[in-house]
């Protein structure tokens, strides 16, 4: 049995706090990247809409002013 020391000295691997954070990041990484890209797309669309709104609003045409000058003859 000397050839298999692992068989008798089994230790469960201990997960440290850092290992847990790394594992969580690896799992959540695709979702985080997707959400950033989605927020960028939505933000760009909103900025485009806000810039477009003033152009779509009906403009008030100024009525020509009546002559208020007095002409003396």
N, C-alpha and C. Protein backbone atom coordinates (compact mmCIF):
# COMPACT_ATOMS: atom_id res chain seq x y z
N UNK A 1 0.80 -1.18 0.00
CA UNK A 1 0.00 0.00 0.00
C UNK A 1 0.85 1.26 0.00
N UNK A 2 2.11 1.15 0.02
CA UNK A 2 3.00 2.31 0.00
C UNK A 2 2.99 2.98 -1.36
N UNK A 3 2.55 2.27 -2.38
CA UNK A 3 2.52 2.85 -3.72
C UNK A 3 1.38 3.84 -3.91
N UNK A 4 0.39 3.80 -3.03
CA UNK A 4 -0.78 4.66 -3.15
C UNK A 4 -0.97 5.51 -1.90
N UNK A 5 -0.11 6.49 -1.66
CA UNK A 5 -0.27 7.29 -0.45
C UNK A 5 -1.51 8.20 -0.51
N UNK A 6 -1.97 8.51 -1.71
CA UNK A 6 -3.12 9.39 -1.85
C UNK A 6 -4.38 8.70 -1.33
N UNK A 7 -4.41 7.39 -1.46
CA UNK A 7 -5.59 6.64 -1.05
C UNK A 7 -5.86 6.82 0.44
N UNK A 8 -4.83 6.93 1.24
CA UNK A 8 -5.01 7.03 2.67
C UNK A 8 -4.92 8.47 3.19
N UNK A 9 -4.42 9.36 2.38
CA UNK A 9 -4.27 10.75 2.81
C UNK A 9 -5.16 11.67 1.99
N UNK A 10 -6.37 11.27 1.78
CA UNK A 10 -7.27 12.10 0.98
C UNK A 10 -7.67 13.34 1.75
N UNK A 11 -7.57 14.44 1.07
CA UNK A 11 -8.01 15.71 1.63
C UNK A 11 -8.99 16.33 0.65
N UNK A 12 -10.05 16.85 1.17
CA UNK A 12 -10.99 17.53 0.32
C UNK A 12 -10.40 18.88 -0.08
N UNK A 13 -10.50 19.25 -1.35
CA UNK A 13 -9.98 20.56 -1.74
C UNK A 13 -10.81 21.66 -1.07
N UNK A 14 -10.11 22.60 -0.49
CA UNK A 14 -10.80 23.70 0.18
C UNK A 14 -10.89 24.88 -0.77
N UNK A 15 -12.04 25.44 -0.86
CA UNK A 15 -12.25 26.61 -1.71
C UNK A 15 -12.07 27.85 -0.86
N UNK A 16 -11.19 28.70 -1.29
CA UNK A 16 -11.00 29.95 -0.58
C UNK A 16 -12.00 30.97 -1.11
N UNK A 17 -12.04 32.10 -0.44
CA UNK A 17 -12.95 33.17 -0.85
C UNK A 17 -12.60 33.65 -2.26
N UNK A 18 -11.31 33.71 -2.57
CA UNK A 18 -10.86 34.15 -3.89
C UNK A 18 -11.28 33.16 -4.97
N UNK A 19 -11.18 31.88 -4.67
CA UNK A 19 -11.59 30.87 -5.65
C UNK A 19 -13.08 30.99 -5.96
N UNK A 20 -13.86 31.26 -4.93
CA UNK A 20 -15.30 31.41 -5.13
C UNK A 20 -15.60 32.60 -6.02
N UNK A 21 -14.91 33.74 -5.79
CA UNK A 21 -15.12 34.93 -6.61
C UNK A 21 -14.72 34.67 -8.06
N UNK A 22 -13.60 33.99 -8.26
CA UNK A 22 -13.15 33.69 -9.63
C UNK A 22 -14.16 32.80 -10.34
N UNK A 23 -14.66 31.81 -9.64
CA UNK A 23 -15.64 30.91 -10.24
C UNK A 23 -16.92 31.67 -10.59
N UNK A 24 -17.38 32.50 -9.67
CA UNK A 24 -18.60 33.28 -9.93
C UNK A 24 -18.41 34.20 -11.13
N UNK A 25 -17.23 34.82 -11.24
CA UNK A 25 -16.97 35.72 -12.36
C UNK A 25 -16.98 34.95 -13.67
N UNK A 26 -16.37 33.77 -13.68
CA UNK A 26 -16.33 32.98 -14.90
C UNK A 26 -17.74 32.56 -15.34
N UNK A 27 -18.60 32.32 -14.39
CA UNK A 27 -19.98 31.92 -14.72
C UNK A 27 -20.77 33.13 -15.24
N UNK A 28 -20.61 34.28 -14.60
CA UNK A 28 -21.43 35.45 -14.91
C UNK A 28 -20.86 36.32 -16.03
N UNK A 29 -19.64 36.08 -16.44
CA UNK A 29 -18.97 36.93 -17.44
C UNK A 29 -19.78 37.13 -18.72
N UNK A 30 -20.31 36.08 -19.33
CA UNK A 30 -21.09 36.31 -20.57
C UNK A 30 -22.32 37.18 -20.35
N UNK A 31 -22.97 37.03 -19.21
CA UNK A 31 -24.17 37.83 -18.94
C UNK A 31 -23.81 39.29 -18.71
N UNK A 32 -22.69 39.53 -18.06
CA UNK A 32 -22.26 40.91 -17.82
C UNK A 32 -21.92 41.59 -19.13
N UNK A 33 -21.19 40.90 -20.00
CA UNK A 33 -20.83 41.48 -21.29
C UNK A 33 -22.09 41.74 -22.14
N UNK A 34 -23.02 40.80 -22.12
CA UNK A 34 -24.25 40.99 -22.87
C UNK A 34 -25.03 42.20 -22.36
N UNK A 35 -25.11 42.35 -21.03
CA UNK A 35 -25.89 43.46 -20.49
C UNK A 35 -25.24 44.80 -20.82
N UNK A 36 -23.90 44.88 -20.81
CA UNK A 36 -23.24 46.12 -21.19
C UNK A 36 -23.51 46.46 -22.65
N UNK A 37 -23.44 45.47 -23.51
CA UNK A 37 -23.71 45.72 -24.93
C UNK A 37 -25.17 46.13 -25.15
N UNK A 38 -26.08 45.50 -24.43
CA UNK A 38 -27.50 45.85 -24.56
C UNK A 38 -27.76 47.26 -24.07
N UNK A 39 -27.14 47.65 -22.94
CA UNK A 39 -27.33 49.01 -22.43
C UNK A 39 -26.75 50.04 -23.39
N UNK A 40 -25.62 49.72 -24.02
CA UNK A 40 -25.03 50.63 -24.99
C UNK A 40 -25.95 50.80 -26.19
N UNK A 41 -26.52 49.72 -26.66
CA UNK A 41 -27.43 49.78 -27.80
C UNK A 41 -28.69 50.59 -27.46
N UNK A 42 -29.27 50.34 -26.31
CA UNK A 42 -30.48 51.07 -25.90
C UNK A 42 -30.16 52.54 -25.68
N UNK A 43 -29.02 52.84 -25.05
CA UNK A 43 -28.63 54.23 -24.83
C UNK A 43 -28.41 54.97 -26.14
N UNK A 44 -27.77 54.32 -27.09
CA UNK A 44 -27.57 54.95 -28.40
C UNK A 44 -28.87 55.21 -29.11
N UNK A 45 -29.81 54.28 -29.00
CA UNK A 45 -31.12 54.47 -29.62
C UNK A 45 -31.86 55.64 -28.97
N UNK A 46 -31.80 55.73 -27.64
CA UNK A 46 -32.47 56.83 -26.95
C UNK A 46 -31.87 58.18 -27.31
N UNK A 47 -30.56 58.24 -27.41
CA UNK A 47 -29.91 59.50 -27.80
C UNK A 47 -30.34 59.89 -29.21
N UNK A 48 -30.39 58.91 -30.10
CA UNK A 48 -30.84 59.18 -31.47
C UNK A 48 -32.26 59.69 -31.52
N UNK A 49 -33.14 59.10 -30.72
CA UNK A 49 -34.54 59.53 -30.69
C UNK A 49 -34.65 60.94 -30.13
N UNK A 50 -33.92 61.22 -29.07
CA UNK A 50 -33.98 62.56 -28.46
C UNK A 50 -33.45 63.62 -29.43
N UNK A 51 -32.42 63.30 -30.20
CA UNK A 51 -31.91 64.26 -31.19
C UNK A 51 -32.90 64.45 -32.33
N UNK A 52 -33.67 63.43 -32.63
CA UNK A 52 -34.60 63.49 -33.76
C UNK A 52 -35.90 64.22 -33.41
N UNK A 53 -36.30 64.22 -32.15
CA UNK A 53 -37.58 64.82 -31.75
C UNK A 53 -37.71 66.30 -32.11
N UNK A 54 -36.71 67.16 -31.86
CA UNK A 54 -36.91 68.56 -32.24
C UNK A 54 -37.12 68.76 -33.74
N UNK A 55 -36.55 67.89 -34.56
CA UNK A 55 -36.74 68.02 -36.00
C UNK A 55 -38.16 67.64 -36.41
N UNK A 56 -38.78 66.76 -35.66
CA UNK A 56 -40.13 66.31 -36.02
C UNK A 56 -41.21 67.25 -35.50
N UNK A 57 -40.89 68.08 -34.53
CA UNK A 57 -41.89 69.00 -33.98
C UNK A 57 -42.24 70.04 -35.04
N UNK A 58 -43.52 70.37 -35.14
CA UNK A 58 -43.91 71.37 -36.13
C UNK A 58 -43.34 72.74 -35.74
N UNK A 59 -42.77 73.41 -36.70
CA UNK A 59 -42.20 74.73 -36.42
C UNK A 59 -43.26 75.79 -36.67
N UNK A 60 -43.26 76.78 -35.81
CA UNK A 60 -44.21 77.88 -35.98
C UNK A 60 -43.60 78.89 -36.94
N UNK A 61 -44.32 79.13 -38.00
CA UNK A 61 -43.84 80.13 -38.94
C UNK A 61 -44.19 81.51 -38.42
N UNK A 62 -43.23 82.37 -38.46
CA UNK A 62 -43.48 83.73 -37.97
C UNK A 62 -44.33 84.48 -38.98
N UNK A 63 -45.37 85.10 -38.49
CA UNK A 63 -46.22 85.88 -39.38
C UNK A 63 -45.49 87.20 -39.69
N UNK A 64 -45.62 87.66 -40.90
CA UNK A 64 -44.93 88.91 -41.23
C UNK A 64 -45.49 90.06 -40.39
N UNK A 65 -44.60 90.88 -39.90
CA UNK A 65 -45.02 92.00 -39.06
C UNK A 65 -45.58 93.11 -39.96
N UNK A 66 -46.61 93.74 -39.44
CA UNK A 66 -47.20 94.87 -40.18
C UNK A 66 -46.28 96.07 -40.01
N UNK A 67 -46.29 96.88 -41.01
CA UNK A 67 -45.47 98.09 -40.95
C UNK A 67 -46.05 99.04 -39.92
N UNK A 68 -45.27 99.39 -38.97
CA UNK A 68 -45.74 100.33 -37.96
C UNK A 68 -45.07 101.70 -38.10
N UNK A 69 -44.29 101.83 -39.16
CA UNK A 69 -43.65 103.12 -39.38
C UNK A 69 -44.67 104.13 -39.91
N UNK A 70 -44.49 105.31 -39.51
CA UNK A 70 -45.37 106.38 -40.02
C UNK A 70 -44.59 107.14 -41.09
N UNK A 71 -45.20 107.24 -42.23
CA UNK A 71 -44.56 107.96 -43.32
C UNK A 71 -45.20 109.34 -43.42
N UNK A 72 -44.38 110.34 -43.25
CA UNK A 72 -44.90 111.71 -43.33
C UNK A 72 -44.73 112.20 -44.74
N UNK A 73 -45.79 112.85 -45.26
CA UNK A 73 -45.73 113.37 -46.61
C UNK A 73 -45.70 114.89 -46.54
